[in-house]
Amino acid sequence: MRRSAVLLLLVCSACAPGCGDDGGGGGSDASVDAGMTADARPPCTKRWNSKKIGTAATSSATVEGGFLVLRSSMSAQTDLRVVTSMMTLSGDFTLTVRFRDFVPGGLGAFVQAAISDPTITTNAPLAAAGIGNFPQDGLSATFQPGTADLKPTPMGDGLFRFTRTGAMVTINAATSTGSPTAAVAAAFTMSPLQIGLQIGTNNSTFNPESLIRFSDVTVSGGGAGGAAQNDSFDCDSLVQQ
């Protein structure tokens, strides 16, 4: 199996309504600042960078209906859509990325989550969990370079999880039912680390479209970046590059 060592990351925070009236001093609804409506929300904090790599593919990353949606068509091996976080992780942490509705557009199509040095270059060390057609439909957990585990399974819903304790990182890719699970563990001490998601292909150019929906990203631990990176994609936190 061959994977591109390009990493992307996502992190976003939900935006919640933040206006109201304390009812004191005989105030009324008329005291609400001009231009603010009852359901007004503050702007969404931008936490992720979305970038296209390569020239052939038609690809996008958007936030729609509570999901981060990645799409790609006419993709060749040199084409990727990557989303990378503006924050990093350090120390011990558990990172979980949940996905739904992966539809591969052709032979070799894949989606993966990854953690790596923010200054990553081609063929640099990478820890990744993925789902795709390799060419058999399945889940993968892999250190690049290093060990890998592949588990055949139909396409569908599931999660990618990275857990670091001390020097060891354990990678899991599982279906929504928890079985099968691709899993591998190894020393992975780089710090800080970015979280990333990408969509692409390991094979020939494909059409029609590959698509996946990510429902949430959660982090426990991870130093200053930690829980600030939790994201249920309730608002558009992407910066398009």
C-alpha atoms as a PDB file:
ATOM      1  CA  MET A   1       0.000   0.000   0.000  1.00  0.00           C
ATOM      2  CA  ARG A   2       1.261   3.483  -0.833  1.00  0.00           C
ATOM      3  CA  ARG A   3       0.005   6.669   0.743  1.00  0.00           C
ATOM      4  CA  SER A   4       0.942  10.261   0.104  1.00  0.00           C
ATOM      5  CA  ALA A   5       2.561  11.812   3.150  1.00  0.00           C
ATOM      6  CA  VAL A   6       0.613  15.019   2.946  1.00  0.00           C
ATOM      7  CA  LEU A   7      -1.257  15.881   6.106  1.00  0.00           C
ATOM      8  CA  LEU A   8      -4.263  17.960   6.805  1.00  0.00           C
ATOM      9  CA  LEU A   9      -5.948  19.008   9.892  1.00  0.00           C
ATOM     10  CA  LEU A  10      -9.233  20.087  11.210  1.00  0.00           C
ATOM     11  CA  VAL A  11     -10.363  21.786  14.268  1.00  0.00           C
ATOM     12  CA  CYS A  12     -13.415  23.922  14.811  1.00  0.00           C
ATOM     13  CA  SER A  13     -15.492  25.207  17.644  1.00  0.00           C
ATOM     14  CA  ALA A  14     -19.276  25.386  17.789  1.00  0.00           C
ATOM     15  CA  CYS A  15     -20.818  28.801  17.775  1.00  0.00           C
ATOM     16  CA  ALA A  16     -23.603  29.301  20.303  1.00  0.00           C
ATOM     17  CA  PRO A  17     -26.180  32.055  20.658  1.00  0.00           C
ATOM     18  CA  GLY A  18     -24.813  34.757  22.883  1.00  0.00           C
ATOM     19  CA  CYS A  19     -27.316  37.522  23.359  1.00  0.00           C
ATOM     20  CA  GLY A  20     -30.118  38.142  25.790  1.00  0.00           C
ATOM     21  CA  ASP A  21     -31.710  40.582  28.250  1.00  0.00           C
ATOM     22  CA  ASP A  22     -31.329  40.384  32.006  1.00  0.00           C
ATOM     23  CA  GLY A  23     -34.722  41.927  32.467  1.00  0.00           C
ATOM     24  CA  GLY A  24     -33.452  44.505  34.982  1.00  0.00           C
ATOM     25  CA  GLY A  25     -34.320  48.218  35.102  1.00  0.00           C
ATOM     26  CA  GLY A  26     -37.572  47.830  33.288  1.00  0.00           C
ATOM     27  CA  GLY A  27     -35.819  46.917  30.050  1.00  0.00           C
ATOM     28  CA  SER A  28     -37.671  45.553  27.051  1.00  0.00           C
ATOM     29  CA  ASP A  29     -36.891  43.828  23.768  1.00  0.00           C
ATOM     30  CA  ALA A  30     -36.391  47.263  22.286  1.00  0.00           C
ATOM     31  CA  SER A  31     -33.160  47.533  24.275  1.00  0.00           C
ATOM     32  CA  VAL A  32     -31.477  44.874  22.115  1.00  0.00           C
ATOM     33  CA  ASP A  33     -28.704  46.506  20.127  1.00  0.00           C
ATOM     34  CA  ALA A  34     -29.653  47.615  16.642  1.00  0.00           C
ATOM     35  CA  GLY A  35     -28.871  44.970  14.055  1.00  0.00           C
ATOM     36  CA  MET A  36     -28.943  42.060  16.549  1.00  0.00           C
ATOM     37  CA  THR A  37     -31.772  39.586  16.137  1.00  0.00           C
ATOM     38  CA  ALA A  38     -32.998  37.047  18.668  1.00  0.00           C
ATOM     39  CA  ASP A  39     -31.106  34.234  16.898  1.00  0.00           C
ATOM     40  CA  ALA A  40     -27.954  36.198  16.091  1.00  0.00           C
ATOM     41  CA  ARG A  41     -24.677  34.298  16.505  1.00  0.00           C
ATOM     42  CA  PRO A  42     -21.091  35.500  16.748  1.00  0.00           C
ATOM     43  CA  PRO A  43     -18.799  34.839  13.762  1.00  0.00           C
ATOM     44  CA  CYS A  44     -17.347  31.344  13.558  1.00  0.00           C
ATOM     45  CA  THR A  45     -13.716  31.149  14.647  1.00  0.00           C
ATOM     46  CA  LYS A  46     -11.526  30.056  11.738  1.00  0.00           C
ATOM     47  CA  ARG A  47      -9.525  27.019  12.844  1.00  0.00           C
ATOM     48  CA  TRP A  48      -8.763  25.002   9.695  1.00  0.00           C
ATOM     49  CA  ASN A  49      -6.975  25.557   6.401  1.00  0.00           C
ATOM     50  CA  SER A  50      -8.367  23.877   3.289  1.00  0.00           C
ATOM     51  CA  LYS A  51      -5.998  23.468   0.357  1.00  0.00           C
ATOM     52  CA  LYS A  52      -5.926  21.756  -3.016  1.00  0.00           C
ATOM     53  CA  ILE A  53      -2.714  19.971  -3.991  1.00  0.00           C
ATOM     54  CA  GLY A  54      -2.204  19.157  -7.655  1.00  0.00           C
ATOM     55  CA  THR A  55      -3.993  20.505 -10.707  1.00  0.00           C
ATOM     56  CA  ALA A  56      -6.114  17.740 -12.217  1.00  0.00           C
ATOM     57  CA  ALA A  57      -8.717  17.075  -9.532  1.00  0.00           C
ATOM     58  CA  THR A  58     -11.942  18.936  -8.893  1.00  0.00           C
ATOM     59  CA  SER A  59     -12.117  18.952  -5.102  1.00  0.00           C
ATOM     60  CA  SER A  60     -13.614  20.870  -2.199  1.00  0.00           C
ATOM     61  CA  ALA A  61     -13.934  21.027   1.577  1.00  0.00           C
ATOM     62  CA  THR A  62     -17.112  22.618   2.948  1.00  0.00           C
ATOM     63  CA  VAL A  63     -19.129  22.685   6.162  1.00  0.00           C
ATOM     64  CA  GLU A  64     -22.707  21.640   5.417  1.00  0.00           C
ATOM     65  CA  GLY A  65     -25.518  20.707   7.788  1.00  0.00           C
ATOM     66  CA  GLY A  66     -23.257  19.915  10.742  1.00  0.00           C
ATOM     67  CA  PHE A  67     -20.655  17.992   8.712  1.00  0.00           C
ATOM     68  CA  LEU A  68     -17.272  18.682   7.213  1.00  0.00           C
ATOM     69  CA  VAL A  69     -17.696  17.383   3.651  1.00  0.00           C
ATOM     70  CA  LEU A  70     -14.736  16.452   1.443  1.00  0.00           C
ATOM     71  CA  ARG A  71     -15.260  15.853  -2.278  1.00  0.00           C
ATOM     72  CA  SER A  72     -12.897  14.926  -5.095  1.00  0.00           C
ATOM     73  CA  SER A  73     -13.314  13.860  -8.726  1.00  0.00           C
ATOM     74  CA  MET A  74     -10.947  13.439 -11.686  1.00  0.00           C
ATOM     75  CA  SER A  75      -8.252  12.791  -9.087  1.00  0.00           C
ATOM     76  CA  ALA A  76      -4.810  11.389  -9.924  1.00  0.00           C
ATOM     77  CA  GLN A  77      -2.098  10.220  -7.494  1.00  0.00           C
ATOM     78  CA  THR A  78      -0.605  13.701  -7.358  1.00  0.00           C
ATOM     79  CA  ASP A  79      -3.941  15.329  -6.423  1.00  0.00           C
ATOM     80  CA  LEU A  80      -5.186  15.800  -2.858  1.00  0.00           C
ATOM     81  CA  ARG A  81      -7.667  17.931  -0.944  1.00  0.00           C
ATOM     82  CA  VAL A  82      -6.180  18.553   2.468  1.00  0.00           C
ATOM     83  CA  VAL A  83      -7.564  20.233   5.581  1.00  0.00           C
ATOM     84  CA  THR A  84      -5.041  21.122   8.275  1.00  0.00           C
ATOM     85  CA  SER A  85      -5.523  22.583  11.735  1.00  0.00           C
ATOM     86  CA  MET A  86      -4.166  25.913  12.891  1.00  0.00           C
ATOM     87  CA  MET A  87      -3.429  24.401  16.327  1.00  0.00           C
ATOM     88  CA  THR A  88      -1.144  21.571  17.387  1.00  0.00           C
ATOM     89  CA  LEU A  89      -1.057  18.763  19.961  1.00  0.00           C
ATOM     90  CA  SER A  90       1.680  17.800  22.409  1.00  0.00           C
ATOM     91  CA  GLY A  91       2.169  15.321  25.232  1.00  0.00           C
ATOM     92  CA  ASP A  92      -0.396  12.560  25.846  1.00  0.00           C
ATOM     93  CA  PHE A  93      -3.723  12.756  24.046  1.00  0.00           C
ATOM     94  CA  THR A  94      -6.622  10.879  22.503  1.00  0.00           C
ATOM     95  CA  LEU A  95      -7.930  12.125  19.164  1.00  0.00           C
ATOM     96  CA  THR A  96     -11.149  10.734  17.673  1.00  0.00           C
ATOM     97  CA  VAL A  97     -12.509  11.598  14.220  1.00  0.00           C
ATOM     98  CA  ARG A  98     -15.940  10.224  13.281  1.00  0.00           C
ATOM     99  CA  PHE A  99     -17.051   9.841   9.672  1.00  0.00           C
ATOM    100  CA  ARG A 100     -20.163   8.900   7.699  1.00  0.00           C
ATOM    101  CA  ASP A 101     -21.169   7.969   4.179  1.00  0.00           C
ATOM    102  CA  PHE A 102     -17.801   7.395   2.503  1.00  0.00           C
ATOM    103  CA  VAL A 103     -18.402   6.836  -1.218  1.00  0.00           C
ATOM    104  CA  PRO A 104     -15.245   6.076  -3.262  1.00  0.00           C
ATOM    105  CA  GLY A 105     -15.176   7.440  -6.787  1.00  0.00           C
ATOM    106  CA  GLY A 106     -12.984   4.688  -8.204  1.00  0.00           C
ATOM    107  CA  LEU A 107     -10.154   2.202  -7.738  1.00  0.00           C
ATOM    108  CA  GLY A 108      -7.672   3.385  -5.116  1.00  0.00           C
ATOM    109  CA  ALA A 109      -9.856   6.178  -3.714  1.00  0.00           C
ATOM    110  CA  PHE A 110      -9.236   6.809  -0.018  1.00  0.00           C
ATOM    111  CA  VAL A 111      -9.805   9.180   2.890  1.00  0.00           C
ATOM    112  CA  GLN A 112      -7.527   9.358   5.907  1.00  0.00           C
ATOM    113  CA  ALA A 113      -6.881  11.208   9.133  1.00  0.00           C
ATOM    114  CA  ALA A 114      -3.263  11.759  10.092  1.00  0.00           C
ATOM    115  CA  ILE A 115      -0.984  13.262  12.707  1.00  0.00           C
ATOM    116  CA  SER A 116       2.447  14.571  11.846  1.00  0.00           C
ATOM    117  CA  ASP A 117       4.989  17.330  12.308  1.00  0.00           C
ATOM    118  CA  PRO A 118       3.464  20.641  11.093  1.00  0.00           C
ATOM    119  CA  THR A 119       6.481  21.111   8.789  1.00  0.00           C
ATOM    120  CA  ILE A 120       5.827  17.768   7.089  1.00  0.00           C
ATOM    121  CA  THR A 121       7.295  17.187   3.642  1.00  0.00           C
ATOM    122  CA  THR A 122       6.832  14.370   1.145  1.00  0.00           C
ATOM    123  CA  ASN A 123       7.826  10.994   2.618  1.00  0.00           C
ATOM    124  CA  ALA A 124       8.215  12.413   6.147  1.00  0.00           C
ATOM    125  CA  PRO A 125       7.019  10.197   9.059  1.00  0.00           C
ATOM    126  CA  LEU A 126       3.250  10.032   9.325  1.00  0.00           C
ATOM    127  CA  ALA A 127       0.698   8.211  11.499  1.00  0.00           C
ATOM    128  CA  ALA A 128      -2.559   7.664   9.632  1.00  0.00           C
ATOM    129  CA  ALA A 129      -5.937   5.914   9.842  1.00  0.00           C
ATOM    130  CA  GLY A 130      -7.982   5.536   6.689  1.00  0.00           C
ATOM    131  CA  ILE A 131     -10.766   3.973   4.681  1.00  0.00           C
ATOM    132  CA  GLY A 132     -10.623   3.261   0.978  1.00  0.00           C
ATOM    133  CA  ASN A 133     -10.227   0.899  -1.921  1.00  0.00           C
ATOM    134  CA  PHE A 134      -6.681  -0.545  -1.743  1.00  0.00           C
ATOM    135  CA  PRO A 135      -7.960  -2.048  -4.207  1.00  0.00           C
ATOM    136  CA  GLN A 136     -10.133  -4.096  -1.814  1.00  0.00           C
ATOM    137  CA  ASP A 137     -12.581  -2.051   0.290  1.00  0.00           C
ATOM    138  CA  GLY A 138     -11.225  -1.761   3.804  1.00  0.00           C
ATOM    139  CA  LEU A 139      -9.841   0.117   6.805  1.00  0.00           C
ATOM    140  CA  SER A 140      -6.180   0.890   7.412  1.00  0.00           C
ATOM    141  CA  ALA A 141      -3.955   1.882  10.348  1.00  0.00           C
ATOM    142  CA  THR A 142      -0.395   2.698   9.385  1.00  0.00           C
ATOM    143  CA  PHE A 143       2.880   4.346  10.280  1.00  0.00           C
ATOM    144  CA  GLN A 144       4.618   5.703   7.199  1.00  0.00           C
ATOM    145  CA  PRO A 145       7.288   4.437   7.004  1.00  0.00           C
ATOM    146  CA  GLY A 146       6.690   1.485   9.275  1.00  0.00           C
ATOM    147  CA  THR A 147       4.028  -1.054  10.156  1.00  0.00           C
ATOM    148  CA  ALA A 148       0.469  -1.245   8.812  1.00  0.00           C
ATOM    149  CA  ASP A 149      -2.756  -3.161   9.422  1.00  0.00           C
ATOM    150  CA  LEU A 150      -5.490  -3.558   6.790  1.00  0.00           C
ATOM    151  CA  LYS A 151      -8.968  -4.952   7.463  1.00  0.00           C
ATOM    152  CA  PRO A 152     -11.392  -5.643   4.586  1.00  0.00           C
ATOM    153  CA  THR A 153     -14.858  -4.186   5.218  1.00  0.00           C
ATOM    154  CA  PRO A 154     -17.684  -2.625   3.193  1.00  0.00           C
ATOM    155  CA  MET A 155     -17.672   1.165   2.928  1.00  0.00           C
ATOM    156  CA  GLY A 156     -19.787   3.003   5.496  1.00  0.00           C
ATOM    157  CA  ASP A 157     -19.605   4.826   8.839  1.00  0.00           C
ATOM    158  CA  GLY A 158     -16.906   4.637  11.493  1.00  0.00           C
ATOM    159  CA  LEU A 159     -14.104   6.384  13.341  1.00  0.00           C
ATOM    160  CA  PHE A 160     -10.378   7.052  13.302  1.00  0.00           C
ATOM    161  CA  ARG A 161      -8.626   7.223  16.691  1.00  0.00           C
ATOM    162  CA  PHE A 162      -5.093   8.130  17.776  1.00  0.00           C
ATOM    163  CA  THR A 163      -3.938   7.645  21.368  1.00  0.00           C
ATOM    164  CA  ARG A 164      -0.506   8.710  22.602  1.00  0.00           C
ATOM    165  CA  THR A 165       0.813   7.654  26.000  1.00  0.00           C
ATOM    166  CA  GLY A 166       4.435   8.532  26.601  1.00  0.00           C
ATOM    167  CA  ALA A 167       6.380   7.585  23.483  1.00  0.00           C
ATOM    168  CA  MET A 168       3.747   5.176  22.108  1.00  0.00           C
ATOM    169  CA  VAL A 169       0.973   5.984  19.648  1.00  0.00           C
ATOM    170  CA  THR A 170      -1.859   3.529  18.960  1.00  0.00           C
ATOM    171  CA  ILE A 171      -3.874   3.986  15.764  1.00  0.00           C
ATOM    172  CA  ASN A 172      -7.358   2.517  15.301  1.00  0.00           C
ATOM    173  CA  ALA A 173      -9.726   2.615  12.340  1.00  0.00           C
ATOM    174  CA  ALA A 174     -13.093   0.999  13.070  1.00  0.00           C
ATOM    175  CA  THR A 175     -16.588   0.658  11.681  1.00  0.00           C
ATOM    176  CA  SER A 176     -19.525   2.197  13.542  1.00  0.00           C
ATOM    177  CA  THR A 177     -20.228  -1.224  15.105  1.00  0.00           C
ATOM    178  CA  GLY A 178     -16.638  -1.507  16.325  1.00  0.00           C
ATOM    179  CA  SER A 179     -15.814  -4.496  14.135  1.00  0.00           C
ATOM    180  CA  PRO A 180     -13.658  -4.938  12.184  1.00  0.00           C
ATOM    181  CA  THR A 181     -10.893  -2.710  13.536  1.00  0.00           C
ATOM    182  CA  ALA A 182      -7.511  -2.012  11.964  1.00  0.00           C
ATOM    183  CA  ALA A 183      -4.992  -1.303  14.720  1.00  0.00           C
ATOM    184  CA  VAL A 184      -1.244  -0.751  15.066  1.00  0.00           C
ATOM    185  CA  ALA A 185       1.043   0.751  17.735  1.00  0.00           C
ATOM    186  CA  ALA A 186       4.591   2.114  17.624  1.00  0.00           C
ATOM    187  CA  ALA A 187       6.875   4.775  19.084  1.00  0.00           C
ATOM    188  CA  PHE A 188       6.006   8.189  17.613  1.00  0.00           C
ATOM    189  CA  THR A 189       7.570  10.956  19.657  1.00  0.00           C
ATOM    190  CA  MET A 190       7.460  14.009  17.364  1.00  0.00           C
ATOM    191  CA  SER A 191       6.020  17.118  18.992  1.00  0.00           C
ATOM    192  CA  PRO A 192       4.104  19.251  18.356  1.00  0.00           C
ATOM    193  CA  LEU A 193       1.743  17.423  15.991  1.00  0.00           C
ATOM    194  CA  GLN A 194      -0.911  18.572  13.567  1.00  0.00           C
ATOM    195  CA  ILE A 195      -4.178  16.732  12.942  1.00  0.00           C
ATOM    196  CA  GLY A 196      -5.251  16.368   9.353  1.00  0.00           C
ATOM    197  CA  LEU A 197      -7.748  14.933   6.905  1.00  0.00           C
ATOM    198  CA  GLN A 198      -7.324  14.258   3.205  1.00  0.00           C
ATOM    199  CA  ILE A 199      -9.089  12.750   0.242  1.00  0.00           C
ATOM    200  CA  GLY A 200      -7.336  11.355  -2.828  1.00  0.00           C
ATOM    201  CA  THR A 201      -6.349   8.214  -4.705  1.00  0.00           C
ATOM    202  CA  ASN A 202      -3.504   5.688  -4.687  1.00  0.00           C
ATOM    203  CA  ASN A 203      -4.290   4.533  -8.203  1.00  0.00           C
ATOM    204  CA  SER A 204      -5.324   5.867 -11.586  1.00  0.00           C
ATOM    205  CA  THR A 205      -7.445   8.954 -12.239  1.00  0.00           C
ATOM    206  CA  PHE A 206     -11.054   8.332 -11.281  1.00  0.00           C
ATOM    207  CA  ASN A 207     -14.448   9.793 -11.973  1.00  0.00           C
ATOM    208  CA  PRO A 208     -17.192  10.121 -10.666  1.00  0.00           C
ATOM    209  CA  GLU A 209     -16.842  11.809  -7.305  1.00  0.00           C
ATOM    210  CA  SER A 210     -15.459  10.519  -4.007  1.00  0.00           C
ATOM    211  CA  LEU A 211     -17.227  11.946  -0.947  1.00  0.00           C
ATOM    212  CA  ILE A 212     -17.081  11.681   2.836  1.00  0.00           C
ATOM    213  CA  ARG A 213     -18.773  13.468   5.744  1.00  0.00           C
ATOM    214  CA  PHE A 214     -16.985  14.034   9.065  1.00  0.00           C
ATOM    215  CA  SER A 215     -19.412  14.573  11.937  1.00  0.00           C
ATOM    216  CA  ASP A 216     -17.022  15.540  14.723  1.00  0.00           C
ATOM    217  CA  VAL A 217     -13.465  15.746  15.992  1.00  0.00           C
ATOM    218  CA  THR A 218     -12.779  15.375  19.724  1.00  0.00           C
ATOM    219  CA  VAL A 219      -9.532  15.682  21.648  1.00  0.00           C
ATOM    220  CA  SER A 220      -8.665  14.968  25.268  1.00  0.00           C
ATOM    221  CA  GLY A 221      -5.237  15.939  26.584  1.00  0.00           C
ATOM    222  CA  GLY A 222      -2.868  17.295  23.972  1.00  0.00           C
ATOM    223  CA  GLY A 223      -1.430  20.247  25.866  1.00  0.00           C
ATOM    224  CA  ALA A 224      -2.656  23.777  25.103  1.00  0.00           C
ATOM    225  CA  GLY A 225      -4.338  22.595  21.887  1.00  0.00           C
ATOM    226  CA  GLY A 226      -6.417  19.903  23.632  1.00  0.00           C
ATOM    227  CA  ALA A 227     -10.142  20.283  23.945  1.00  0.00           C
ATOM    228  CA  ALA A 228     -10.024  23.646  22.154  1.00  0.00           C
ATOM    229  CA  GLN A 229      -9.873  21.552  18.991  1.00  0.00           C
ATOM    230  CA  ASN A 230     -13.203  19.786  19.598  1.00  0.00           C
ATOM    231  CA  ASP A 231     -15.449  20.373  16.624  1.00  0.00           C
ATOM    232  CA  SER A 232     -19.009  19.338  15.815  1.00  0.00           C
ATOM    233  CA  PHE A 233     -19.005  21.459  12.625  1.00  0.00           C
ATOM    234  CA  ASP A 234     -21.931  23.639  13.674  1.00  0.00           C
ATOM    235  CA  CYS A 235     -20.372  26.570  11.825  1.00  0.00           C
ATOM    236  CA  ASP A 236     -17.921  27.180   8.990  1.00  0.00           C
ATOM    237  CA  SER A 237     -14.436  27.296  10.535  1.00  0.00           C
ATOM    238  CA  LEU A 238     -12.548  26.701   7.266  1.00  0.00           C
ATOM    239  CA  VAL A 239     -10.144  29.085   5.575  1.00  0.00           C
ATOM    240  CA  GLN A 240      -9.969  28.316   1.858  1.00  0.00           C
ATOM    241  CA  GLN A 241      -6.513  28.668   0.395  1.00  0.00           C
END
